[in-house]
PDB file of N, CA and C in Angstrom:
ATOM      1  N   UNK A   1      -6.114 -27.664  28.541  1.00  0.00           N
ATOM      2  CA  UNK A   1      -5.130 -27.440  27.499  1.00  0.00           C
ATOM      3  C   UNK A   1      -5.448 -26.121  26.792  1.00  0.00           C
ATOM      4  N   UNK A   2      -4.465 -25.260  26.674  1.00  0.00           N
ATOM      5  CA  UNK A   2      -4.664 -23.973  26.012  1.00  0.00           C
ATOM      6  C   UNK A   2      -4.465 -24.127  24.501  1.00  0.00           C
ATOM      7  N   UNK A   3      -4.891 -23.133  23.758  1.00  0.00           N
ATOM      8  CA  UNK A   3      -4.767 -23.171  22.302  1.00  0.00           C
ATOM      9  C   UNK A   3      -3.313 -23.218  21.851  1.00  0.00           C
ATOM     10  N   UNK A   4      -2.441 -22.560  22.564  1.00  0.00           N
ATOM     11  CA  UNK A   4      -1.033 -22.518  22.175  1.00  0.00           C
ATOM     12  C   UNK A   4      -0.372 -23.883  22.290  1.00  0.00           C
ATOM     13  N   UNK A   5      -0.770 -24.698  23.217  1.00  0.00           N
ATOM     14  CA  UNK A   5      -0.152 -26.002  23.413  1.00  0.00           C
ATOM     15  C   UNK A   5      -0.563 -26.999  22.340  1.00  0.00           C
ATOM     16  N   UNK A   6      -1.797 -26.935  21.833  1.00  0.00           N
ATOM     17  CA  UNK A   6      -2.294 -27.926  20.892  1.00  0.00           C
ATOM     18  C   UNK A   6      -2.234 -27.490  19.436  1.00  0.00           C
ATOM     19  N   UNK A   7      -1.738 -26.311  19.156  1.00  0.00           N
ATOM     20  CA  UNK A   7      -1.726 -25.807  17.788  1.00  0.00           C
ATOM     21  C   UNK A   7      -0.339 -25.942  17.187  1.00  0.00           C
ATOM     22  N   UNK A   8      -0.295 -26.570  16.009  1.00  0.00           N
ATOM     23  CA  UNK A   8       0.962 -26.676  15.278  1.00  0.00           C
ATOM     24  C   UNK A   8       0.783 -25.983  13.933  1.00  0.00           C
ATOM     25  N   UNK A   9       1.790 -25.261  13.515  1.00  0.00           N
ATOM     26  CA  UNK A   9       1.742 -24.552  12.252  1.00  0.00           C
ATOM     27  C   UNK A   9       2.792 -25.130  11.309  1.00  0.00           C
ATOM     28  N   UNK A  10       2.437 -25.256  10.040  1.00  0.00           N
ATOM     29  CA  UNK A  10       3.336 -25.781   9.031  1.00  0.00           C
ATOM     30  C   UNK A  10       3.404 -24.813   7.864  1.00  0.00           C
ATOM     31  N   UNK A  11       4.544 -24.737   7.255  1.00  0.00           N
ATOM     32  CA  UNK A  11       4.712 -23.960   6.034  1.00  0.00           C
ATOM     33  C   UNK A  11       4.737 -24.933   4.873  1.00  0.00           C
ATOM     34  N   UNK A  12       3.830 -24.761   3.920  1.00  0.00           N
ATOM     35  CA  UNK A  12       3.765 -25.628   2.758  1.00  0.00           C
ATOM     36  C   UNK A  12       4.578 -25.013   1.629  1.00  0.00           C
ATOM     37  N   UNK A  13       5.374 -25.825   0.994  1.00  0.00           N
ATOM     38  CA  UNK A  13       6.199 -25.361  -0.117  1.00  0.00           C
ATOM     39  C   UNK A  13       5.667 -25.993  -1.385  1.00  0.00           C
ATOM     40  N   UNK A  14       5.342 -25.176  -2.351  1.00  0.00           N
ATOM     41  CA  UNK A  14       4.797 -25.646  -3.614  1.00  0.00           C
ATOM     42  C   UNK A  14       5.912 -26.263  -4.455  1.00  0.00           C
ATOM     43  N   UNK A  15       5.612 -27.391  -5.101  1.00  0.00           N
ATOM     44  CA  UNK A  15       6.606 -28.048  -5.942  1.00  0.00           C
ATOM     45  C   UNK A  15       6.913 -27.235  -7.191  1.00  0.00           C
ATOM     46  N   UNK A  16       5.927 -26.576  -7.750  1.00  0.00           N
ATOM     47  CA  UNK A  16       6.122 -25.810  -8.976  1.00  0.00           C
ATOM     48  C   UNK A  16       5.629 -24.379  -8.760  1.00  0.00           C
ATOM     49  N   UNK A  17       6.512 -23.500  -8.294  1.00  0.00           N
ATOM     50  CA  UNK A  17       6.085 -22.115  -8.073  1.00  0.00           C
ATOM     51  C   UNK A  17       5.745 -21.449  -9.403  1.00  0.00           C
ATOM     52  N   UNK A  18       4.983 -20.400  -9.340  1.00  0.00           N
ATOM     53  CA  UNK A  18       4.579 -19.717 -10.566  1.00  0.00           C
ATOM     54  C   UNK A  18       5.743 -18.919 -11.152  1.00  0.00           C
ATOM     55  N   UNK A  19       5.682 -18.750 -12.453  1.00  0.00           N
ATOM     56  CA  UNK A  19       6.733 -18.058 -13.193  1.00  0.00           C
ATOM     57  C   UNK A  19       6.121 -16.937 -14.020  1.00  0.00           C
ATOM     58  N   UNK A  20       6.980 -16.021 -14.436  1.00  0.00           N
ATOM     59  CA  UNK A  20       6.557 -14.925 -15.302  1.00  0.00           C
ATOM     60  C   UNK A  20       7.471 -14.846 -16.513  1.00  0.00           C
ATOM     61  N   UNK A  21       6.937 -14.292 -17.607  1.00  0.00           N
ATOM     62  CA  UNK A  21       7.691 -14.120 -18.849  1.00  0.00           C
ATOM     63  C   UNK A  21       7.950 -12.632 -19.026  1.00  0.00           C
ATOM     64  N   UNK A  22       9.223 -12.287 -19.210  1.00  0.00           N
ATOM     65  CA  UNK A  22       9.622 -10.887 -19.360  1.00  0.00           C
ATOM     66  C   UNK A  22      10.237 -10.687 -20.744  1.00  0.00           C
ATOM     67  N   UNK A  23       9.687  -9.729 -21.484  1.00  0.00           N
ATOM     68  CA  UNK A  23      10.263  -9.319 -22.760  1.00  0.00           C
ATOM     69  C   UNK A  23      11.319  -8.271 -22.440  1.00  0.00           C
ATOM     70  N   UNK A  24      12.587  -8.625 -22.636  1.00  0.00           N
ATOM     71  CA  UNK A  24      13.695  -7.735 -22.281  1.00  0.00           C
ATOM     72  C   UNK A  24      13.944  -6.714 -23.377  1.00  0.00           C
ATOM     73  N   UNK A  25      13.968  -7.180 -24.635  1.00  0.00           N
ATOM     74  CA  UNK A  25      14.249  -6.290 -25.768  1.00  0.00           C
ATOM     75  C   UNK A  25      13.520  -6.819 -26.991  1.00  0.00           C
ATOM     76  N   UNK A  26      12.959  -5.918 -27.759  1.00  0.00           N
ATOM     77  CA  UNK A  26      12.190  -6.296 -28.939  1.00  0.00           C
ATOM     78  C   UNK A  26      13.081  -6.788 -30.076  1.00  0.00           C
ATOM     79  N   UNK A  27      14.273  -6.260 -30.181  1.00  0.00           N
ATOM     80  CA  UNK A  27      15.173  -6.675 -31.261  1.00  0.00           C
ATOM     81  C   UNK A  27      14.887  -5.945 -32.557  1.00  0.00           C
ATOM     82  N   UNK A  28      15.548  -6.363 -33.614  1.00  0.00           N
ATOM     83  CA  UNK A  28      15.452  -5.686 -34.908  1.00  0.00           C
ATOM     84  C   UNK A  28      14.194  -6.074 -35.688  1.00  0.00           C
ATOM     85  N   UNK A  29      13.657  -7.261 -35.432  1.00  0.00           N
ATOM     86  CA  UNK A  29      12.483  -7.752 -36.175  1.00  0.00           C
ATOM     87  C   UNK A  29      11.203  -7.453 -35.386  1.00  0.00           C
ATOM     88  N   UNK A  30      10.863  -6.181 -35.297  1.00  0.00           N
ATOM     89  CA  UNK A  30       9.759  -5.746 -34.438  1.00  0.00           C
ATOM     90  C   UNK A  30       8.430  -6.398 -34.808  1.00  0.00           C
ATOM     91  N   UNK A  31       8.097  -6.462 -36.070  1.00  0.00           N
ATOM     92  CA  UNK A  31       6.797  -7.023 -36.461  1.00  0.00           C
ATOM     93  C   UNK A  31       6.708  -8.506 -36.110  1.00  0.00           C
ATOM     94  N   UNK A  32       7.795  -9.250 -36.289  1.00  0.00           N
ATOM     95  CA  UNK A  32       7.805 -10.668 -35.908  1.00  0.00           C
ATOM     96  C   UNK A  32       7.600 -10.830 -34.405  1.00  0.00           C
ATOM     97  N   UNK A  33       8.220  -9.948 -33.642  1.00  0.00           N
ATOM     98  CA  UNK A  33       8.084  -9.992 -32.184  1.00  0.00           C
ATOM     99  C   UNK A  33       6.670  -9.610 -31.772  1.00  0.00           C
ATOM    100  N   UNK A  34       6.091  -8.618 -32.420  1.00  0.00           N
ATOM    101  CA  UNK A  34       4.716  -8.223 -32.117  1.00  0.00           C
ATOM    102  C   UNK A  34       3.768  -9.400 -32.345  1.00  0.00           C
ATOM    103  N   UNK A  35       3.952 -10.114 -33.445  1.00  0.00           N
ATOM    104  CA  UNK A  35       3.112 -11.282 -33.728  1.00  0.00           C
ATOM    105  C   UNK A  35       3.336 -12.392 -32.700  1.00  0.00           C
ATOM    106  N   UNK A  36       4.579 -12.556 -32.247  1.00  0.00           N
ATOM    107  CA  UNK A  36       4.868 -13.555 -31.219  1.00  0.00           C
ATOM    108  C   UNK A  36       4.245 -13.160 -29.887  1.00  0.00           C
ATOM    109  N   UNK A  37       4.293 -11.879 -29.550  1.00  0.00           N
ATOM    110  CA  UNK A  37       3.656 -11.391 -28.319  1.00  0.00           C
ATOM    111  C   UNK A  37       2.156 -11.653 -28.397  1.00  0.00           C
ATOM    112  N   UNK A  38       1.581 -11.392 -29.547  1.00  0.00           N
ATOM    113  CA  UNK A  38       0.147 -11.653 -29.733  1.00  0.00           C
ATOM    114  C   UNK A  38      -0.166 -13.130 -29.554  1.00  0.00           C
ATOM    115  N   UNK A  39       0.701 -13.976 -30.062  1.00  0.00           N
ATOM    116  CA  UNK A  39       0.481 -15.424 -29.966  1.00  0.00           C
ATOM    117  C   UNK A  39       0.516 -15.903 -28.519  1.00  0.00           C
ATOM    118  N   UNK A  40       1.486 -15.439 -27.738  1.00  0.00           N
ATOM    119  CA  UNK A  40       1.625 -15.946 -26.369  1.00  0.00           C
ATOM    120  C   UNK A  40       0.666 -15.276 -25.383  1.00  0.00           C
ATOM    121  N   UNK A  41       0.259 -14.022 -25.660  1.00  0.00           N
ATOM    122  CA  UNK A  41      -0.616 -13.332 -24.716  1.00  0.00           C
ATOM    123  C   UNK A  41      -2.092 -13.402 -25.087  1.00  0.00           C
ATOM    124  N   UNK A  42      -2.379 -13.559 -26.373  1.00  0.00           N
ATOM    125  CA  UNK A  42      -3.762 -13.553 -26.824  1.00  0.00           C
ATOM    126  C   UNK A  42      -4.351 -12.154 -26.927  1.00  0.00           C
ATOM    127  N   UNK A  43      -3.503 -11.139 -26.825  1.00  0.00           N
ATOM    128  CA  UNK A  43      -3.955  -9.747 -26.910  1.00  0.00           C
ATOM    129  C   UNK A  43      -4.150  -9.341 -28.370  1.00  0.00           C
ATOM    130  N   UNK A  44      -4.756  -8.193 -28.575  1.00  0.00           N
ATOM    131  CA  UNK A  44      -4.945  -7.667 -29.921  1.00  0.00           C
ATOM    132  C   UNK A  44      -3.596  -7.273 -30.521  1.00  0.00           C
ATOM    133  N   UNK A  45      -3.590  -7.081 -31.813  1.00  0.00           N
ATOM    134  CA  UNK A  45      -2.362  -6.680 -32.495  1.00  0.00           C
ATOM    135  C   UNK A  45      -1.872  -5.335 -31.983  1.00  0.00           C
ATOM    136  N   UNK A  46      -2.796  -4.392 -31.792  1.00  0.00           N
ATOM    137  CA  UNK A  46      -2.419  -3.067 -31.295  1.00  0.00           C
ATOM    138  C   UNK A  46      -1.809  -3.167 -29.895  1.00  0.00           C
ATOM    139  N   UNK A  47      -2.467  -3.909 -28.999  1.00  0.00           N
ATOM    140  CA  UNK A  47      -1.965  -4.034 -27.636  1.00  0.00           C
ATOM    141  C   UNK A  47      -0.620  -4.781 -27.612  1.00  0.00           C
ATOM    142  N   UNK A  48      -0.476  -5.762 -28.464  1.00  0.00           N
ATOM    143  CA  UNK A  48       0.792  -6.505 -28.546  1.00  0.00           C
ATOM    144  C   UNK A  48       1.922  -5.599 -29.005  1.00  0.00           C
ATOM    145  N   UNK A  49       1.626  -4.716 -29.954  1.00  0.00           N
ATOM    146  CA  UNK A  49       2.643  -3.755 -30.422  1.00  0.00           C
ATOM    147  C   UNK A  49       3.043  -2.805 -29.302  1.00  0.00           C
ATOM    148  N   UNK A  50       2.070  -2.335 -28.539  1.00  0.00           N
ATOM    149  CA  UNK A  50       2.364  -1.451 -27.413  1.00  0.00           C
ATOM    150  C   UNK A  50       3.225  -2.152 -26.370  1.00  0.00           C
ATOM    151  N   UNK A  51       2.920  -3.396 -26.069  1.00  0.00           N
ATOM    152  CA  UNK A  51       3.725  -4.160 -25.112  1.00  0.00           C
ATOM    153  C   UNK A  51       5.156  -4.335 -25.618  1.00  0.00           C
ATOM    154  N   UNK A  52       5.308  -4.671 -26.900  1.00  0.00           N
ATOM    155  CA  UNK A  52       6.640  -4.884 -27.467  1.00  0.00           C
ATOM    156  C   UNK A  52       7.470  -3.607 -27.420  1.00  0.00           C
ATOM    157  N   UNK A  53       6.836  -2.473 -27.619  1.00  0.00           N
ATOM    158  CA  UNK A  53       7.560  -1.200 -27.612  1.00  0.00           C
ATOM    159  C   UNK A  53       7.890  -0.708 -26.206  1.00  0.00           C
ATOM    160  N   UNK A  54       7.266  -1.286 -25.182  1.00  0.00           N
ATOM    161  CA  UNK A  54       7.517  -0.881 -23.805  1.00  0.00           C
ATOM    162  C   UNK A  54       8.611  -1.712 -23.143  1.00  0.00           C
ATOM    163  N   UNK A  55       9.261  -2.594 -23.887  1.00  0.00           N
ATOM    164  CA  UNK A  55      10.273  -3.490 -23.305  1.00  0.00           C
ATOM    165  C   UNK A  55      11.308  -2.684 -22.536  1.00  0.00           C
ATOM    166  N   UNK A  56      11.745  -3.148 -21.397  1.00  0.00           N
ATOM    167  CA  UNK A  56      11.422  -4.420 -20.740  1.00  0.00           C
ATOM    168  C   UNK A  56      10.075  -4.371 -20.030  1.00  0.00           C
ATOM    169  N   UNK A  57       9.289  -5.427 -20.246  1.00  0.00           N
ATOM    170  CA  UNK A  57       7.940  -5.498 -19.690  1.00  0.00           C
ATOM    171  C   UNK A  57       7.601  -6.960 -19.377  1.00  0.00           C
ATOM    172  N   UNK A  58       6.842  -7.162 -18.305  1.00  0.00           N
ATOM    173  CA  UNK A  58       6.367  -8.498 -17.972  1.00  0.00           C
ATOM    174  C   UNK A  58       5.124  -8.774 -18.802  1.00  0.00           C
ATOM    175  N   UNK A  59       5.183  -9.830 -19.621  1.00  0.00           N
ATOM    176  CA  UNK A  59       4.067 -10.160 -20.499  1.00  0.00           C
ATOM    177  C   UNK A  59       3.048 -11.064 -19.825  1.00  0.00           C
ATOM    178  N   UNK A  60       3.527 -12.084 -19.125  1.00  0.00           N
ATOM    179  CA  UNK A  60       2.653 -13.078 -18.514  1.00  0.00           C
ATOM    180  C   UNK A  60       3.112 -13.391 -17.109  1.00  0.00           C
ATOM    181  N   UNK A  61       2.198 -13.782 -16.268  1.00  0.00           N
ATOM    182  CA  UNK A  61       2.539 -14.178 -14.906  1.00  0.00           C
ATOM    183  C   UNK A  61       1.670 -15.336 -14.462  1.00  0.00           C
ATOM    184  N   UNK A  62       2.099 -16.009 -13.400  1.00  0.00           N
ATOM    185  CA  UNK A  62       1.331 -17.112 -12.854  1.00  0.00           C
ATOM    186  C   UNK A  62       1.381 -18.370 -13.688  1.00  0.00           C
ATOM    187  N   UNK A  63       2.466 -18.563 -14.429  1.00  0.00           N
ATOM    188  CA  UNK A  63       2.583 -19.710 -15.333  1.00  0.00           C
ATOM    189  C   UNK A  63       3.379 -20.843 -14.696  1.00  0.00           C
ATOM    190  N   UNK A  64       3.182 -22.043 -15.223  1.00  0.00           N
ATOM    191  CA  UNK A  64       4.044 -23.162 -14.860  1.00  0.00           C
ATOM    192  C   UNK A  64       5.390 -22.959 -15.551  1.00  0.00           C
ATOM    193  N   UNK A  65       6.400 -23.659 -15.090  1.00  0.00           N
ATOM    194  CA  UNK A  65       7.736 -23.523 -15.688  1.00  0.00           C
ATOM    195  C   UNK A  65       7.705 -23.916 -17.163  1.00  0.00           C
ATOM    196  N   UNK A  66       6.970 -24.971 -17.495  1.00  0.00           N
ATOM    197  CA  UNK A  66       6.898 -25.429 -18.882  1.00  0.00           C
ATOM    198  C   UNK A  66       6.269 -24.373 -19.782  1.00  0.00           C
ATOM    199  N   UNK A  67       5.152 -23.811 -19.354  1.00  0.00           N
ATOM    200  CA  UNK A  67       4.469 -22.796 -20.164  1.00  0.00           C
ATOM    201  C   UNK A  67       5.321 -21.542 -20.305  1.00  0.00           C
ATOM    202  N   UNK A  68       6.020 -21.153 -19.248  1.00  0.00           N
ATOM    203  CA  UNK A  68       6.890 -19.981 -19.318  1.00  0.00           C
ATOM    204  C   UNK A  68       8.041 -20.224 -20.293  1.00  0.00           C
ATOM    205  N   UNK A  69       8.656 -21.403 -20.232  1.00  0.00           N
ATOM    206  CA  UNK A  69       9.754 -21.733 -21.151  1.00  0.00           C
ATOM    207  C   UNK A  69       9.262 -21.761 -22.589  1.00  0.00           C
ATOM    208  N   UNK A  70       8.084 -22.303 -22.814  1.00  0.00           N
ATOM    209  CA  UNK A  70       7.525 -22.367 -24.168  1.00  0.00           C
ATOM    210  C   UNK A  70       7.261 -20.966 -24.720  1.00  0.00           C
ATOM    211  N   UNK A  71       6.735 -20.088 -23.892  1.00  0.00           N
ATOM    212  CA  UNK A  71       6.461 -18.716 -24.322  1.00  0.00           C
ATOM    213  C   UNK A  71       7.750 -17.977 -24.658  1.00  0.00           C
ATOM    214  N   UNK A  72       8.776 -18.182 -23.841  1.00  0.00           N
ATOM    215  CA  UNK A  72      10.077 -17.548 -24.106  1.00  0.00           C
ATOM    216  C   UNK A  72      10.666 -18.075 -25.407  1.00  0.00           C
ATOM    217  N   UNK A  73      10.515 -19.365 -25.674  1.00  0.00           N
ATOM    218  CA  UNK A  73      11.030 -19.945 -26.917  1.00  0.00           C
ATOM    219  C   UNK A  73      10.354 -19.321 -28.134  1.00  0.00           C
ATOM    220  N   UNK A  74       9.048 -19.090 -28.068  1.00  0.00           N
ATOM    221  CA  UNK A  74       8.321 -18.453 -29.169  1.00  0.00           C
ATOM    222  C   UNK A  74       8.840 -17.038 -29.392  1.00  0.00           C
ATOM    223  N   UNK A  75       9.026 -16.298 -28.318  1.00  0.00           N
ATOM    224  CA  UNK A  75       9.524 -14.920 -28.429  1.00  0.00           C
ATOM    225  C   UNK A  75      10.944 -14.881 -28.973  1.00  0.00           C
ATOM    226  N   UNK A  76      11.801 -15.774 -28.496  1.00  0.00           N
ATOM    227  CA  UNK A  76      13.191 -15.792 -28.958  1.00  0.00           C
ATOM    228  C   UNK A  76      13.292 -16.209 -30.417  1.00  0.00           C
ATOM    229  N   UNK A  77      12.427 -17.099 -30.863  1.00  0.00           N
ATOM    230  CA  UNK A  77      12.464 -17.511 -32.268  1.00  0.00           C
ATOM    231  C   UNK A  77      12.037 -16.368 -33.189  1.00  0.00           C
ATOM    232  N   UNK A  78      11.307 -15.398 -32.651  1.00  0.00           N
ATOM    233  CA  UNK A  78      10.905 -14.221 -33.427  1.00  0.00           C
ATOM    234  C   UNK A  78      11.972 -13.132 -33.412  1.00  0.00           C
ATOM    235  N   UNK A  79      13.035 -13.327 -32.629  1.00  0.00           N
ATOM    236  CA  UNK A  79      14.131 -12.355 -32.601  1.00  0.00           C
ATOM    237  C   UNK A  79      14.181 -11.493 -31.354  1.00  0.00           C
ATOM    238  N   UNK A  80      13.315 -11.750 -30.393  1.00  0.00           N
ATOM    239  CA  UNK A  80      13.292 -10.957 -29.169  1.00  0.00           C
ATOM    240  C   UNK A  80      14.247 -11.524 -28.126  1.00  0.00           C
ATOM    241  N   UNK A  81      14.645 -10.666 -27.198  1.00  0.00           N
ATOM    242  CA  UNK A  81      15.347 -11.134 -26.003  1.00  0.00           C
ATOM    243  C   UNK A  81      14.302 -11.255 -24.918  1.00  0.00           C
ATOM    244  N   UNK A  82      14.087 -12.463 -24.435  1.00  0.00           N
ATOM    245  CA  UNK A  82      13.079 -12.703 -23.411  1.00  0.00           C
ATOM    246  C   UNK A  82      13.632 -13.686 -22.400  1.00  0.00           C
ATOM    247  N   UNK A  83      13.070 -13.648 -21.196  1.00  0.00           N
ATOM    248  CA  UNK A  83      13.491 -14.586 -20.154  1.00  0.00           C
ATOM    249  C   UNK A  83      12.303 -14.911 -19.276  1.00  0.00           C
ATOM    250  N   UNK A  84      12.408 -16.027 -18.586  1.00  0.00           N
ATOM    251  CA  UNK A  84      11.373 -16.402 -17.627  1.00  0.00           C
ATOM    252  C   UNK A  84      11.991 -16.407 -16.249  1.00  0.00           C
ATOM    253  N   UNK A  85      11.182 -16.004 -15.284  1.00  0.00           N
ATOM    254  CA  UNK A  85      11.655 -15.886 -13.904  1.00  0.00           C
ATOM    255  C   UNK A  85      10.624 -16.497 -12.971  1.00  0.00           C
ATOM    256  N   UNK A  86      11.121 -16.957 -11.851  1.00  0.00           N
ATOM    257  CA  UNK A  86      10.205 -17.399 -10.807  1.00  0.00           C
ATOM    258  C   UNK A  86       9.614 -16.153 -10.176  1.00  0.00           C
ATOM    259  N   UNK A  87       8.288 -16.126 -10.036  1.00  0.00           N
ATOM    260  CA  UNK A  87       7.658 -14.964  -9.433  1.00  0.00           C
ATOM    261  C   UNK A  87       8.049 -14.877  -7.969  1.00  0.00           C
ATOM    262  N   UNK A  88       8.329 -13.681  -7.541  1.00  0.00           N
ATOM    263  CA  UNK A  88       8.742 -13.469  -6.161  1.00  0.00           C
ATOM    264  C   UNK A  88       7.534 -13.507  -5.237  1.00  0.00           C
ATOM    265  N   UNK A  89       7.748 -14.042  -4.061  1.00  0.00           N
ATOM    266  CA  UNK A  89       6.723 -13.979  -3.029  1.00  0.00           C
ATOM    267  C   UNK A  89       6.661 -12.531  -2.549  1.00  0.00           C
ATOM    268  N   UNK A  90       5.576 -12.111  -1.961  1.00  0.00           N
ATOM    269  CA  UNK A  90       5.509 -10.739  -1.463  1.00  0.00           C
ATOM    270  C   UNK A  90       6.663 -10.445  -0.520  1.00  0.00           C
ATOM    271  N   UNK A  91       7.376  -9.385  -0.802  1.00  0.00           N
ATOM    272  CA  UNK A  91       8.514  -9.008   0.031  1.00  0.00           C
ATOM    273  C   UNK A  91       9.852  -9.577  -0.424  1.00  0.00           C
ATOM    274  N   UNK A  92       9.846 -10.416  -1.478  1.00  0.00           N
ATOM    275  CA  UNK A  92      11.093 -10.994  -1.992  1.00  0.00           C
ATOM    276  C   UNK A  92      11.407 -10.389  -3.349  1.00  0.00           C
ATOM    277  N   UNK A  93      12.641 -10.591  -3.804  1.00  0.00           N
ATOM    278  CA  UNK A  93      13.055 -10.131  -5.119  1.00  0.00           C
ATOM    279  C   UNK A  93      13.009 -11.300  -6.089  1.00  0.00           C
ATOM    280  N   UNK A  94      12.710 -11.015  -7.363  1.00  0.00           N
ATOM    281  CA  UNK A  94      12.643 -12.065  -8.383  1.00  0.00           C
ATOM    282  C   UNK A  94      14.040 -12.571  -8.708  1.00  0.00           C
ATOM    283  N   UNK A  95      14.141 -13.869  -8.954  1.00  0.00           N
ATOM    284  CA  UNK A  95      15.403 -14.494  -9.313  1.00  0.00           C
ATOM    285  C   UNK A  95      15.277 -15.048 -10.717  1.00  0.00           C
ATOM    286  N   UNK A  96      16.170 -14.668 -11.673  1.00  0.00           N
ATOM    287  CA  UNK A  96      16.090 -15.207 -13.019  1.00  0.00           C
ATOM    288  C   UNK A  96      16.267 -16.722 -13.006  1.00  0.00           C
ATOM    289  N   UNK A  97      15.479 -17.396 -13.833  1.00  0.00           N
ATOM    290  CA  UNK A  97      15.592 -18.845 -13.941  1.00  0.00           C
ATOM    291  C   UNK A  97      16.676 -19.202 -14.939  1.00  0.00           C
ATOM    292  N   UNK A  98      17.232 -20.389 -14.852  1.00  0.00           N
ATOM    293  CA  UNK A  98      18.313 -20.792 -15.757  1.00  0.00           C
ATOM    294  C   UNK A  98      17.877 -20.887 -17.189  1.00  0.00           C
TER     295      UNK A  98
END
């Protein structure tokens, strides 16, 4: 028996693919958004301000859907436009989540 005859390959599909949080626009309440960015990323105040001013920017990656939604809710409550997306596999394009 050759290796080709006895080998079977399977593609595993993850139930909960990783997601990313994208800050689309800082909005009018910049300081509130900077504090929210600091809260969700754990970065310093200075680094959080730099991230907020670079919008659109990906803040977090590799998150569960729940954690990504929670982070977006914190950012939106501060006045920012933010969204969460399913991270694209290598060679694919990202698709916005509902």
